[in-house]
PDB file of N, CA and C in Angstrom:
ATOM      1  N   UNK A   1     225.695  93.379 125.072  1.00  0.00           N
ATOM      2  CA  UNK A   1     225.911  94.088 123.826  1.00  0.00           C
ATOM      3  C   UNK A   1     226.413  93.142 122.733  1.00  0.00           C
ATOM      4  N   UNK A   2     227.350  92.252 123.092  1.00  0.00           N
ATOM      5  CA  UNK A   2     227.884  91.303 122.120  1.00  0.00           C
ATOM      6  C   UNK A   2     226.778  90.399 121.565  1.00  0.00           C
ATOM      7  N   UNK A   3     225.881  89.980 122.468  1.00  0.00           N
ATOM      8  CA  UNK A   3     224.784  89.105 122.050  1.00  0.00           C
ATOM      9  C   UNK A   3     223.870  89.818 121.068  1.00  0.00           C
ATOM     10  N   UNK A   4     223.612  91.087 121.277  1.00  0.00           N
ATOM     11  CA  UNK A   4     222.752  91.850 120.361  1.00  0.00           C
ATOM     12  C   UNK A   4     223.396  91.953 118.979  1.00  0.00           C
ATOM     13  N   UNK A   5     224.675  92.235 118.953  1.00  0.00           N
ATOM     14  CA  UNK A   5     225.372  92.350 117.674  1.00  0.00           C
ATOM     15  C   UNK A   5     225.330  91.012 116.944  1.00  0.00           C
ATOM     16  N   UNK A   6     225.590  89.926 117.661  1.00  0.00           N
ATOM     17  CA  UNK A   6     225.528  88.605 117.043  1.00  0.00           C
ATOM     18  C   UNK A   6     224.124  88.273 116.572  1.00  0.00           C
ATOM     19  N   UNK A   7     223.113  88.651 117.341  1.00  0.00           N
ATOM     20  CA  UNK A   7     221.729  88.421 116.959  1.00  0.00           C
ATOM     21  C   UNK A   7     221.384  89.193 115.691  1.00  0.00           C
ATOM     22  N   UNK A   8     221.798  90.456 115.620  1.00  0.00           N
ATOM     23  CA  UNK A   8     221.516  91.279 114.439  1.00  0.00           C
ATOM     24  C   UNK A   8     222.226  90.685 113.215  1.00  0.00           C
ATOM     25  N   UNK A   9     223.474  90.280 113.375  1.00  0.00           N
ATOM     26  CA  UNK A   9     224.208  89.674 112.264  1.00  0.00           C
ATOM     27  C   UNK A   9     223.528  88.375 111.830  1.00  0.00           C
ATOM     28  N   UNK A  10     223.099  87.569 112.780  1.00  0.00           N
ATOM     29  CA  UNK A  10     222.410  86.320 112.468  1.00  0.00           C
ATOM     30  C   UNK A  10     221.113  86.554 111.717  1.00  0.00           C
ATOM     31  N   UNK A  11     220.326  87.516 112.167  1.00  0.00           N
ATOM     32  CA  UNK A  11     219.069  87.843 111.483  1.00  0.00           C
ATOM     33  C   UNK A  11     219.335  88.367 110.074  1.00  0.00           C
ATOM     34  N   UNK A  12     220.361  89.178 109.940  1.00  0.00           N
ATOM     35  CA  UNK A  12     220.722  89.699 108.627  1.00  0.00           C
ATOM     36  C   UNK A  12     221.081  88.555 107.671  1.00  0.00           C
ATOM     37  N   UNK A  13     221.890  87.628 108.133  1.00  0.00           N
ATOM     38  CA  UNK A  13     222.279  86.485 107.297  1.00  0.00           C
ATOM     39  C   UNK A  13     221.084  85.616 106.935  1.00  0.00           C
ATOM     40  N   UNK A  14     220.175  85.412 107.861  1.00  0.00           N
ATOM     41  CA  UNK A  14     218.961  84.628 107.574  1.00  0.00           C
ATOM     42  C   UNK A  14     218.116  85.314 106.505  1.00  0.00           C
ATOM     43  N   UNK A  15     217.951  86.613 106.629  1.00  0.00           N
ATOM     44  CA  UNK A  15     217.160  87.363 105.645  1.00  0.00           C
ATOM     45  C   UNK A  15     217.804  87.304 104.266  1.00  0.00           C
ATOM     46  N   UNK A  16     219.114  87.429 104.206  1.00  0.00           N
ATOM     47  CA  UNK A  16     219.811  87.373 102.922  1.00  0.00           C
ATOM     48  C   UNK A  16     219.666  85.992 102.288  1.00  0.00           C
ATOM     49  N   UNK A  17     219.697  84.949 103.101  1.00  0.00           N
ATOM     50  CA  UNK A  17     219.530  83.588 102.591  1.00  0.00           C
ATOM     51  C   UNK A  17     218.134  83.398 102.024  1.00  0.00           C
ATOM     52  N   UNK A  18     217.127  83.858 102.738  1.00  0.00           N
ATOM     53  CA  UNK A  18     215.741  83.745 102.274  1.00  0.00           C
ATOM     54  C   UNK A  18     215.557  84.507 100.975  1.00  0.00           C
ATOM     55  N   UNK A  19     216.106  85.701 100.880  1.00  0.00           N
ATOM     56  CA  UNK A  19     215.977  86.486  99.654  1.00  0.00           C
ATOM     57  C   UNK A  19     216.690  85.821  98.487  1.00  0.00           C
ATOM     58  N   UNK A  20     217.834  85.229  98.736  1.00  0.00           N
ATOM     59  CA  UNK A  20     218.571  84.551  97.668  1.00  0.00           C
ATOM     60  C   UNK A  20     217.818  83.332  97.166  1.00  0.00           C
ATOM     61  N   UNK A  21     217.188  82.582  98.047  1.00  0.00           N
ATOM     62  CA  UNK A  21     216.434  81.395  97.658  1.00  0.00           C
ATOM     63  C   UNK A  21     215.157  81.785  96.935  1.00  0.00           C
ATOM     64  N   UNK A  22     214.502  82.851  97.364  1.00  0.00           N
ATOM     65  CA  UNK A  22     213.222  83.253  96.793  1.00  0.00           C
ATOM     66  C   UNK A  22     213.369  83.926  95.434  1.00  0.00           C
ATOM     67  N   UNK A  23     214.562  84.383  95.091  1.00  0.00           N
ATOM     68  CA  UNK A  23     214.784  85.100  93.851  1.00  0.00           C
ATOM     69  C   UNK A  23     214.561  84.198  92.639  1.00  0.00           C
ATOM     70  N   UNK A  24     213.865  84.726  91.640  1.00  0.00           N
ATOM     71  CA  UNK A  24     213.663  83.987  90.397  1.00  0.00           C
ATOM     72  C   UNK A  24     214.979  83.896  89.633  1.00  0.00           C
ATOM     73  N   UNK A  25     215.120  82.853  88.852  1.00  0.00           N
ATOM     74  CA  UNK A  25     216.302  82.644  88.036  1.00  0.00           C
ATOM     75  C   UNK A  25     215.891  82.611  86.570  1.00  0.00           C
ATOM     76  N   UNK A  26     216.851  82.783  85.685  1.00  0.00           N
ATOM     77  CA  UNK A  26     216.576  82.819  84.254  1.00  0.00           C
ATOM     78  C   UNK A  26     217.464  81.809  83.530  1.00  0.00           C
ATOM     79  N   UNK A  27     216.864  81.082  82.592  1.00  0.00           N
ATOM     80  CA  UNK A  27     217.580  80.107  81.766  1.00  0.00           C
ATOM     81  C   UNK A  27     217.238  80.354  80.305  1.00  0.00           C
ATOM     82  N   UNK A  28     218.226  80.230  79.433  1.00  0.00           N
ATOM     83  CA  UNK A  28     218.005  80.243  77.991  1.00  0.00           C
ATOM     84  C   UNK A  28     218.025  78.796  77.527  1.00  0.00           C
ATOM     85  N   UNK A  29     217.121  78.471  76.614  1.00  0.00           N
ATOM     86  CA  UNK A  29     217.098  77.106  76.114  1.00  0.00           C
ATOM     87  C   UNK A  29     215.944  76.869  75.160  1.00  0.00           C
ATOM     88  N   UNK A  30     215.714  75.594  74.892  1.00  0.00           N
ATOM     89  CA  UNK A  30     214.680  75.161  73.950  1.00  0.00           C
ATOM     90  C   UNK A  30     213.577  74.438  74.697  1.00  0.00           C
ATOM     91  N   UNK A  31     212.352  74.632  74.254  1.00  0.00           N
ATOM     92  CA  UNK A  31     211.233  73.868  74.803  1.00  0.00           C
ATOM     93  C   UNK A  31     211.093  72.630  73.921  1.00  0.00           C
ATOM     94  N   UNK A  32     211.367  71.495  74.520  1.00  0.00           N
ATOM     95  CA  UNK A  32     211.314  70.207  73.826  1.00  0.00           C
ATOM     96  C   UNK A  32     210.261  69.345  74.518  1.00  0.00           C
ATOM     97  N   UNK A  33     210.225  68.084  74.171  1.00  0.00           N
ATOM     98  CA  UNK A  33     209.318  67.140  74.826  1.00  0.00           C
ATOM     99  C   UNK A  33     210.142  66.140  75.634  1.00  0.00           C
ATOM    100  N   UNK A  34     209.514  65.520  76.617  1.00  0.00           N
ATOM    101  CA  UNK A  34     210.239  64.617  77.515  1.00  0.00           C
ATOM    102  C   UNK A  34     210.753  63.356  76.811  1.00  0.00           C
ATOM    103  N   UNK A  35     210.173  63.005  75.688  1.00  0.00           N
ATOM    104  CA  UNK A  35     210.637  61.814  74.963  1.00  0.00           C
ATOM    105  C   UNK A  35     211.958  62.090  74.227  1.00  0.00           C
ATOM    106  N   UNK A  36     212.045  63.222  73.562  1.00  0.00           N
ATOM    107  CA  UNK A  36     213.248  63.549  72.784  1.00  0.00           C
ATOM    108  C   UNK A  36     214.294  64.292  73.611  1.00  0.00           C
ATOM    109  N   UNK A  37     213.869  65.034  74.597  1.00  0.00           N
ATOM    110  CA  UNK A  37     214.802  65.751  75.459  1.00  0.00           C
ATOM    111  C   UNK A  37     215.764  66.626  74.687  1.00  0.00           C
ATOM    112  N   UNK A  38     217.073  66.451  74.921  1.00  0.00           N
ATOM    113  CA  UNK A  38     218.097  67.302  74.313  1.00  0.00           C
ATOM    114  C   UNK A  38     218.167  67.150  72.794  1.00  0.00           C
ATOM    115  N   UNK A  39     217.727  66.010  72.250  1.00  0.00           N
ATOM    116  CA  UNK A  39     217.718  65.851  70.790  1.00  0.00           C
ATOM    117  C   UNK A  39     216.776  66.871  70.149  1.00  0.00           C
ATOM    118  N   UNK A  40     215.827  67.380  70.911  1.00  0.00           N
ATOM    119  CA  UNK A  40     214.857  68.330  70.384  1.00  0.00           C
ATOM    120  C   UNK A  40     215.241  69.779  70.575  1.00  0.00           C
ATOM    121  N   UNK A  41     216.501  70.053  70.892  1.00  0.00           N
ATOM    122  CA  UNK A  41     216.940  71.422  71.156  1.00  0.00           C
ATOM    123  C   UNK A  41     217.374  72.116  69.870  1.00  0.00           C
ATOM    124  N   UNK A  42     216.427  72.272  68.944  1.00  0.00           N
ATOM    125  CA  UNK A  42     216.702  72.984  67.697  1.00  0.00           C
ATOM    126  C   UNK A  42     215.388  73.365  67.034  1.00  0.00           C
ATOM    127  N   UNK A  43     215.467  74.324  66.129  1.00  0.00           N
ATOM    128  CA  UNK A  43     214.271  74.864  65.478  1.00  0.00           C
ATOM    129  C   UNK A  43     213.551  73.837  64.621  1.00  0.00           C
ATOM    130  N   UNK A  44     214.268  72.904  64.034  1.00  0.00           N
ATOM    131  CA  UNK A  44     213.626  71.946  63.137  1.00  0.00           C
ATOM    132  C   UNK A  44     212.849  70.860  63.885  1.00  0.00           C
ATOM    133  N   UNK A  45     212.917  70.860  65.196  1.00  0.00           N
ATOM    134  CA  UNK A  45     212.222  69.853  66.006  1.00  0.00           C
ATOM    135  C   UNK A  45     210.820  70.307  66.448  1.00  0.00           C
ATOM    136  N   UNK A  46     210.425  71.497  66.080  1.00  0.00           N
ATOM    137  CA  UNK A  46     209.154  72.056  66.556  1.00  0.00           C
ATOM    138  C   UNK A  46     207.957  71.157  66.262  1.00  0.00           C
ATOM    139  N   UNK A  47     207.809  70.693  65.041  1.00  0.00           N
ATOM    140  CA  UNK A  47     206.653  69.863  64.673  1.00  0.00           C
ATOM    141  C   UNK A  47     206.634  68.561  65.469  1.00  0.00           C
ATOM    142  N   UNK A  48     207.798  67.957  65.645  1.00  0.00           N
ATOM    143  CA  UNK A  48     207.884  66.705  66.402  1.00  0.00           C
ATOM    144  C   UNK A  48     207.524  66.933  67.870  1.00  0.00           C
ATOM    145  N   UNK A  49     208.053  68.014  68.447  1.00  0.00           N
ATOM    146  CA  UNK A  49     207.764  68.316  69.851  1.00  0.00           C
ATOM    147  C   UNK A  49     206.261  68.528  70.048  1.00  0.00           C
ATOM    148  N   UNK A  50     205.640  69.256  69.147  1.00  0.00           N
ATOM    149  CA  UNK A  50     204.192  69.489  69.251  1.00  0.00           C
ATOM    150  C   UNK A  50     203.427  68.169  69.141  1.00  0.00           C
ATOM    151  N   UNK A  51     203.846  67.309  68.226  1.00  0.00           N
ATOM    152  CA  UNK A  51     203.191  66.009  68.040  1.00  0.00           C
ATOM    153  C   UNK A  51     203.334  65.149  69.295  1.00  0.00           C
ATOM    154  N   UNK A  52     204.542  65.092  69.839  1.00  0.00           N
ATOM    155  CA  UNK A  52     204.776  64.261  71.029  1.00  0.00           C
ATOM    156  C   UNK A  52     204.020  64.781  72.247  1.00  0.00           C
ATOM    157  N   UNK A  53     203.983  66.094  72.412  1.00  0.00           N
ATOM    158  CA  UNK A  53     203.262  66.674  73.556  1.00  0.00           C
ATOM    159  C   UNK A  53     201.766  66.450  73.393  1.00  0.00           C
ATOM    160  N   UNK A  54     201.262  66.552  72.165  1.00  0.00           N
ATOM    161  CA  UNK A  54     199.843  66.271  71.926  1.00  0.00           C
ATOM    162  C   UNK A  54     199.518  64.809  72.240  1.00  0.00           C
ATOM    163  N   UNK A  55     200.517  63.921  72.100  1.00  0.00           N
ATOM    164  CA  UNK A  55     200.330  62.495  72.369  1.00  0.00           C
ATOM    165  C   UNK A  55     200.545  62.149  73.845  1.00  0.00           C
ATOM    166  N   UNK A  56     200.833  63.159  74.680  1.00  0.00           N
ATOM    167  CA  UNK A  56     200.940  62.906  76.109  1.00  0.00           C
ATOM    168  C   UNK A  56     202.294  63.117  76.748  1.00  0.00           C
ATOM    169  N   UNK A  57     203.334  63.377  75.956  1.00  0.00           N
ATOM    170  CA  UNK A  57     204.650  63.670  76.543  1.00  0.00           C
ATOM    171  C   UNK A  57     204.590  65.039  77.219  1.00  0.00           C
ATOM    172  N   UNK A  58     205.480  65.264  78.150  1.00  0.00           N
ATOM    173  CA  UNK A  58     205.508  66.523  78.892  1.00  0.00           C
ATOM    174  C   UNK A  58     206.520  67.483  78.264  1.00  0.00           C
ATOM    175  N   UNK A  59     206.217  68.795  78.252  1.00  0.00           N
ATOM    176  CA  UNK A  59     207.218  69.754  77.779  1.00  0.00           C
ATOM    177  C   UNK A  59     208.344  69.877  78.802  1.00  0.00           C
ATOM    178  N   UNK A  60     209.556  70.069  78.300  1.00  0.00           N
ATOM    179  CA  UNK A  60     210.744  70.240  79.144  1.00  0.00           C
ATOM    180  C   UNK A  60     211.557  71.407  78.594  1.00  0.00           C
ATOM    181  N   UNK A  61     212.406  71.973  79.452  1.00  0.00           N
ATOM    182  CA  UNK A  61     213.357  72.992  79.021  1.00  0.00           C
ATOM    183  C   UNK A  61     214.712  72.316  78.864  1.00  0.00           C
ATOM    184  N   UNK A  62     215.349  72.527  77.712  1.00  0.00           N
ATOM    185  CA  UNK A  62     216.706  72.043  77.485  1.00  0.00           C
ATOM    186  C   UNK A  62     217.601  73.276  77.487  1.00  0.00           C
ATOM    187  N   UNK A  63     218.465  73.378  78.484  1.00  0.00           N
ATOM    188  CA  UNK A  63     219.268  74.591  78.654  1.00  0.00           C
ATOM    189  C   UNK A  63     220.353  74.705  77.587  1.00  0.00           C
ATOM    190  N   UNK A  64     220.600  75.932  77.144  1.00  0.00           N
ATOM    191  CA  UNK A  64     221.670  76.195  76.183  1.00  0.00           C
ATOM    192  C   UNK A  64     223.034  75.932  76.813  1.00  0.00           C
ATOM    193  N   UNK A  65     223.186  76.306  78.062  1.00  0.00           N
ATOM    194  CA  UNK A  65     224.491  76.267  78.727  1.00  0.00           C
ATOM    195  C   UNK A  65     225.089  74.864  78.773  1.00  0.00           C
ATOM    196  N   UNK A  66     224.306  73.882  79.219  1.00  0.00           N
ATOM    197  CA  UNK A  66     224.853  72.535  79.402  1.00  0.00           C
ATOM    198  C   UNK A  66     223.945  71.432  78.868  1.00  0.00           C
ATOM    199  N   UNK A  67     222.931  71.804  78.083  1.00  0.00           N
ATOM    200  CA  UNK A  67     221.984  70.857  77.486  1.00  0.00           C
ATOM    201  C   UNK A  67     221.283  69.996  78.536  1.00  0.00           C
ATOM    202  N   UNK A  68     221.092  70.556  79.719  1.00  0.00           N
ATOM    203  CA  UNK A  68     220.390  69.861  80.792  1.00  0.00           C
ATOM    204  C   UNK A  68     218.893  69.870  80.493  1.00  0.00           C
ATOM    205  N   UNK A  69     218.247  68.730  80.675  1.00  0.00           N
ATOM    206  CA  UNK A  69     216.807  68.604  80.449  1.00  0.00           C
ATOM    207  C   UNK A  69     216.110  68.800  81.797  1.00  0.00           C
ATOM    208  N   UNK A  70     215.288  69.855  81.877  1.00  0.00           N
ATOM    209  CA  UNK A  70     214.627  70.205  83.134  1.00  0.00           C
ATOM    210  C   UNK A  70     213.117  70.032  82.985  1.00  0.00           C
ATOM    211  N   UNK A  71     212.508  69.174  83.817  1.00  0.00           N
ATOM    212  CA  UNK A  71     211.049  69.034  83.774  1.00  0.00           C
ATOM    213  C   UNK A  71     210.385  70.320  84.275  1.00  0.00           C
ATOM    214  N   UNK A  72     209.156  70.532  83.842  1.00  0.00           N
ATOM    215  CA  UNK A  72     208.413  71.750  84.192  1.00  0.00           C
ATOM    216  C   UNK A  72     207.165  71.351  84.958  1.00  0.00           C
ATOM    217  N   UNK A  73     206.934  71.991  86.119  1.00  0.00           N
ATOM    218  CA  UNK A  73     205.778  71.598  86.930  1.00  0.00           C
ATOM    219  C   UNK A  73     204.490  72.318  86.546  1.00  0.00           C
ATOM    220  N   UNK A  74     204.569  73.348  85.707  1.00  0.00           N
ATOM    221  CA  UNK A  74     203.361  74.020  85.217  1.00  0.00           C
ATOM    222  C   UNK A  74     203.434  74.130  83.685  1.00  0.00           C
ATOM    223  N   UNK A  75     203.260  72.988  82.988  1.00  0.00           N
ATOM    224  CA  UNK A  75     203.459  72.942  81.536  1.00  0.00           C
ATOM    225  C   UNK A  75     202.561  73.882  80.729  1.00  0.00           C
ATOM    226  N   UNK A  76     201.417  74.282  81.273  1.00  0.00           N
ATOM    227  CA  UNK A  76     200.546  75.209  80.539  1.00  0.00           C
ATOM    228  C   UNK A  76     201.233  76.546  80.275  1.00  0.00           C
ATOM    229  N   UNK A  77     202.214  76.901  81.088  1.00  0.00           N
ATOM    230  CA  UNK A  77     202.948  78.156  80.898  1.00  0.00           C
ATOM    231  C   UNK A  77     203.772  78.128  79.612  1.00  0.00           C
ATOM    232  N   UNK A  78     204.005  76.935  79.055  1.00  0.00           N
ATOM    233  CA  UNK A  78     204.829  76.793  77.857  1.00  0.00           C
ATOM    234  C   UNK A  78     204.036  76.477  76.605  1.00  0.00           C
ATOM    235  N   UNK A  79     202.723  76.364  76.702  1.00  0.00           N
ATOM    236  CA  UNK A  79     201.908  75.852  75.590  1.00  0.00           C
ATOM    237  C   UNK A  79     202.081  76.631  74.290  1.00  0.00           C
ATOM    238  N   UNK A  80     202.405  77.912  74.350  1.00  0.00           N
ATOM    239  CA  UNK A  80     202.580  78.705  73.127  1.00  0.00           C
ATOM    240  C   UNK A  80     204.034  78.733  72.657  1.00  0.00           C
ATOM    241  N   UNK A  81     204.920  77.976  73.302  1.00  0.00           N
ATOM    242  CA  UNK A  81     206.347  78.047  72.995  1.00  0.00           C
ATOM    243  C   UNK A  81     206.984  76.691  72.693  1.00  0.00           C
ATOM    244  N   UNK A  82     206.186  75.688  72.405  1.00  0.00           N
ATOM    245  CA  UNK A  82     206.717  74.355  72.109  1.00  0.00           C
ATOM    246  C   UNK A  82     207.614  74.432  70.873  1.00  0.00           C
ATOM    247  N   UNK A  83     208.843  73.932  71.003  1.00  0.00           N
ATOM    248  CA  UNK A  83     209.782  73.941  69.890  1.00  0.00           C
ATOM    249  C   UNK A  83     210.512  75.251  69.696  1.00  0.00           C
ATOM    250  N   UNK A  84     210.312  76.209  70.584  1.00  0.00           N
ATOM    251  CA  UNK A  84     210.934  77.525  70.426  1.00  0.00           C
ATOM    252  C   UNK A  84     212.173  77.678  71.298  1.00  0.00           C
ATOM    253  N   UNK A  85     213.039  78.598  70.867  1.00  0.00           N
ATOM    254  CA  UNK A  85     214.202  79.001  71.650  1.00  0.00           C
ATOM    255  C   UNK A  85     213.743  80.158  72.531  1.00  0.00           C
ATOM    256  N   UNK A  86     213.854  79.986  73.850  1.00  0.00           N
ATOM    257  CA  UNK A  86     213.247  80.937  74.781  1.00  0.00           C
ATOM    258  C   UNK A  86     214.176  81.267  75.950  1.00  0.00           C
ATOM    259  N   UNK A  87     213.786  82.312  76.649  1.00  0.00           N
ATOM    260  CA  UNK A  87     214.385  82.630  77.946  1.00  0.00           C
ATOM    261  C   UNK A  87     213.265  82.448  78.962  1.00  0.00           C
ATOM    262  N   UNK A  88     213.485  81.546  79.921  1.00  0.00           N
ATOM    263  CA  UNK A  88     212.473  81.220  80.918  1.00  0.00           C
ATOM    264  C   UNK A  88     212.905  81.791  82.263  1.00  0.00           C
ATOM    265  N   UNK A  89     211.977  82.457  82.921  1.00  0.00           N
ATOM    266  CA  UNK A  89     212.219  82.952  84.271  1.00  0.00           C
ATOM    267  C   UNK A  89     211.328  82.160  85.209  1.00  0.00           C
ATOM    268  N   UNK A  90     211.904  81.699  86.313  1.00  0.00           N
ATOM    269  CA  UNK A  90     211.142  80.923  87.279  1.00  0.00           C
ATOM    270  C   UNK A  90     212.028  80.468  88.405  1.00  0.00           C
ATOM    271  N   UNK A  91     211.561  79.469  89.123  1.00  0.00           N
ATOM    272  CA  UNK A  91     212.363  78.942  90.222  1.00  0.00           C
ATOM    273  C   UNK A  91     212.260  77.426  90.255  1.00  0.00           C
ATOM    274  N   UNK A  92     213.291  76.817  90.813  1.00  0.00           N
ATOM    275  CA  UNK A  92     213.329  75.370  90.933  1.00  0.00           C
ATOM    276  C   UNK A  92     212.534  74.948  92.158  1.00  0.00           C
ATOM    277  N   UNK A  93     211.759  73.898  92.021  1.00  0.00           N
ATOM    278  CA  UNK A  93     210.985  73.384  93.137  1.00  0.00           C
ATOM    279  C   UNK A  93     211.835  72.378  93.906  1.00  0.00           C
ATOM    280  N   UNK A  94     211.327  71.945  95.029  1.00  0.00           N
ATOM    281  CA  UNK A  94     212.086  71.005  95.865  1.00  0.00           C
ATOM    282  C   UNK A  94     212.298  69.655  95.175  1.00  0.00           C
ATOM    283  N   UNK A  95     211.449  69.312  94.204  1.00  0.00           N
ATOM    284  CA  UNK A  95     211.621  68.026  93.509  1.00  0.00           C
ATOM    285  C   UNK A  95     212.481  68.137  92.247  1.00  0.00           C
ATOM    286  N   UNK A  96     213.093  69.309  92.013  1.00  0.00           N
ATOM    287  CA  UNK A  96     213.993  69.483  90.879  1.00  0.00           C
ATOM    288  C   UNK A  96     213.337  69.900  89.583  1.00  0.00           C
ATOM    289  N   UNK A  97     212.052  70.204  89.619  1.00  0.00           N
ATOM    290  CA  UNK A  97     211.400  70.691  88.406  1.00  0.00           C
ATOM    291  C   UNK A  97     211.366  72.217  88.429  1.00  0.00           C
ATOM    292  N   UNK A  98     211.094  72.793  87.284  1.00  0.00           N
ATOM    293  CA  UNK A  98     211.070  74.236  87.122  1.00  0.00           C
ATOM    294  C   UNK A  98     209.636  74.736  87.174  1.00  0.00           C
ATOM    295  N   UNK A  99     209.403  75.766  87.979  1.00  0.00           N
ATOM    296  CA  UNK A  99     208.107  76.442  87.989  1.00  0.00           C
ATOM    297  C   UNK A  99     208.289  77.727  87.190  1.00  0.00           C
ATOM    298  N   UNK A 100     207.662  77.797  86.022  1.00  0.00           N
ATOM    299  CA  UNK A 100     207.840  78.901  85.081  1.00  0.00           C
ATOM    300  C   UNK A 100     207.000  80.097  85.511  1.00  0.00           C
ATOM    301  N   UNK A 101     207.652  81.259  85.596  1.00  0.00           N
ATOM    302  CA  UNK A 101     206.962  82.521  85.877  1.00  0.00           C
ATOM    303  C   UNK A 101     206.663  83.274  84.576  1.00  0.00           C
ATOM    304  N   UNK A 102     207.664  83.300  83.662  1.00  0.00           N
ATOM    305  CA  UNK A 102     207.472  83.992  82.384  1.00  0.00           C
ATOM    306  C   UNK A 102     208.365  83.369  81.316  1.00  0.00           C
ATOM    307  N   UNK A 103     207.982  83.593  80.060  1.00  0.00           N
ATOM    308  CA  UNK A 103     208.719  83.057  78.916  1.00  0.00           C
ATOM    309  C   UNK A 103     208.884  84.181  77.898  1.00  0.00           C
ATOM    310  N   UNK A 104     210.098  84.317  77.390  1.00  0.00           N
ATOM    311  CA  UNK A 104     210.408  85.341  76.386  1.00  0.00           C
ATOM    312  C   UNK A 104     211.068  84.651  75.200  1.00  0.00           C
ATOM    313  N   UNK A 105     210.605  84.937  74.008  1.00  0.00           N
ATOM    314  CA  UNK A 105     211.185  84.346  72.789  1.00  0.00           C
ATOM    315  C   UNK A 105     212.594  84.869  72.551  1.00  0.00           C
ATOM    316  N   UNK A 106     213.477  83.981  72.096  1.00  0.00           N
ATOM    317  CA  UNK A 106     214.828  84.334  71.666  1.00  0.00           C
ATOM    318  C   UNK A 106     214.956  83.998  70.188  1.00  0.00           C
ATOM    319  N   UNK A 107     216.041  84.423  69.579  1.00  0.00           N
ATOM    320  CA  UNK A 107     216.277  84.111  68.165  1.00  0.00           C
ATOM    321  C   UNK A 107     216.321  82.594  67.979  1.00  0.00           C
ATOM    322  N   UNK A 108     215.731  82.115  66.898  1.00  0.00           N
ATOM    323  CA  UNK A 108     215.715  80.677  66.593  1.00  0.00           C
ATOM    324  C   UNK A 108     217.044  80.296  65.978  1.00  0.00           C
ATOM    325  N   UNK A 109     218.005  79.945  66.820  1.00  0.00           N
ATOM    326  CA  UNK A 109     219.305  79.512  66.303  1.00  0.00           C
ATOM    327  C   UNK A 109     219.271  78.020  66.021  1.00  0.00           C
ATOM    328  N   UNK A 110     220.326  77.498  65.444  1.00  0.00           N
ATOM    329  CA  UNK A 110     220.384  76.113  64.990  1.00  0.00           C
ATOM    330  C   UNK A 110     220.202  75.051  66.034  1.00  0.00           C
ATOM    331  N   UNK A 111     220.767  75.166  67.223  1.00  0.00           N
ATOM    332  CA  UNK A 111     220.649  74.122  68.228  1.00  0.00           C
ATOM    333  C   UNK A 111     221.556  72.950  67.928  1.00  0.00           C
ATOM    334  N   UNK A 112     221.330  71.821  68.636  1.00  0.00           N
ATOM    335  CA  UNK A 112     222.253  70.699  68.514  1.00  0.00           C
ATOM    336  C   UNK A 112     221.634  69.432  67.967  1.00  0.00           C
ATOM    337  N   UNK A 113     220.323  69.337  67.926  1.00  0.00           N
ATOM    338  CA  UNK A 113     219.692  68.091  67.489  1.00  0.00           C
ATOM    339  C   UNK A 113     219.853  67.879  66.002  1.00  0.00           C
ATOM    340  N   UNK A 114     219.422  66.735  65.543  1.00  0.00           N
ATOM    341  CA  UNK A 114     219.597  66.418  64.123  1.00  0.00           C
ATOM    342  C   UNK A 114     218.348  66.692  63.305  1.00  0.00           C
ATOM    343  N   UNK A 115     217.345  67.347  63.901  1.00  0.00           N
ATOM    344  CA  UNK A 115     216.234  67.835  63.114  1.00  0.00           C
ATOM    345  C   UNK A 115     215.090  66.872  62.932  1.00  0.00           C
ATOM    346  N   UNK A 116     214.415  67.002  61.783  1.00  0.00           N
ATOM    347  CA  UNK A 116     213.183  66.268  61.528  1.00  0.00           C
ATOM    348  C   UNK A 116     213.413  64.767  61.419  1.00  0.00           C
ATOM    349  N   UNK A 117     214.620  64.325  61.207  1.00  0.00           N
ATOM    350  CA  UNK A 117     214.849  62.889  61.134  1.00  0.00           C
ATOM    351  C   UNK A 117     214.607  62.235  62.486  1.00  0.00           C
ATOM    352  N   UNK A 118     214.519  63.034  63.560  1.00  0.00           N
ATOM    353  CA  UNK A 118     214.241  62.508  64.899  1.00  0.00           C
ATOM    354  C   UNK A 118     212.744  62.338  65.134  1.00  0.00           C
ATOM    355  N   UNK A 119     211.927  62.768  64.207  1.00  0.00           N
ATOM    356  CA  UNK A 119     210.481  62.768  64.403  1.00  0.00           C
ATOM    357  C   UNK A 119     209.950  61.353  64.594  1.00  0.00           C
ATOM    358  N   UNK A 120     209.003  61.204  65.522  1.00  0.00           N
ATOM    359  CA  UNK A 120     208.425  59.882  65.847  1.00  0.00           C
ATOM    360  C   UNK A 120     207.105  59.683  65.163  1.00  0.00           C
TER     361      UNK A 120
END
């Protein structure tokens, strides 16, 4: 009987762990380019981000919370949101990049970068 109870508890814990890992997460932040990173976390950087991505740089998410620059493994999911303040839902891959499931526009607030003077 004790073994059955322990087995049931063990299976329950395994299932809860799998569900917690599989759950999508949400981040608020800016879609910037890999060259400018956190410097591009503002509304005035949109034109520069589009130019850099068109030149081959990769889109990245710069989080509002800690200004962390997160690479994205499916950049086509962001093509309509370059330079925008967004809420991204997705999950982190084993290599530390973000797999985007959905993107929702947020208000275009000021951000932290210095704007168009950063343009390349």
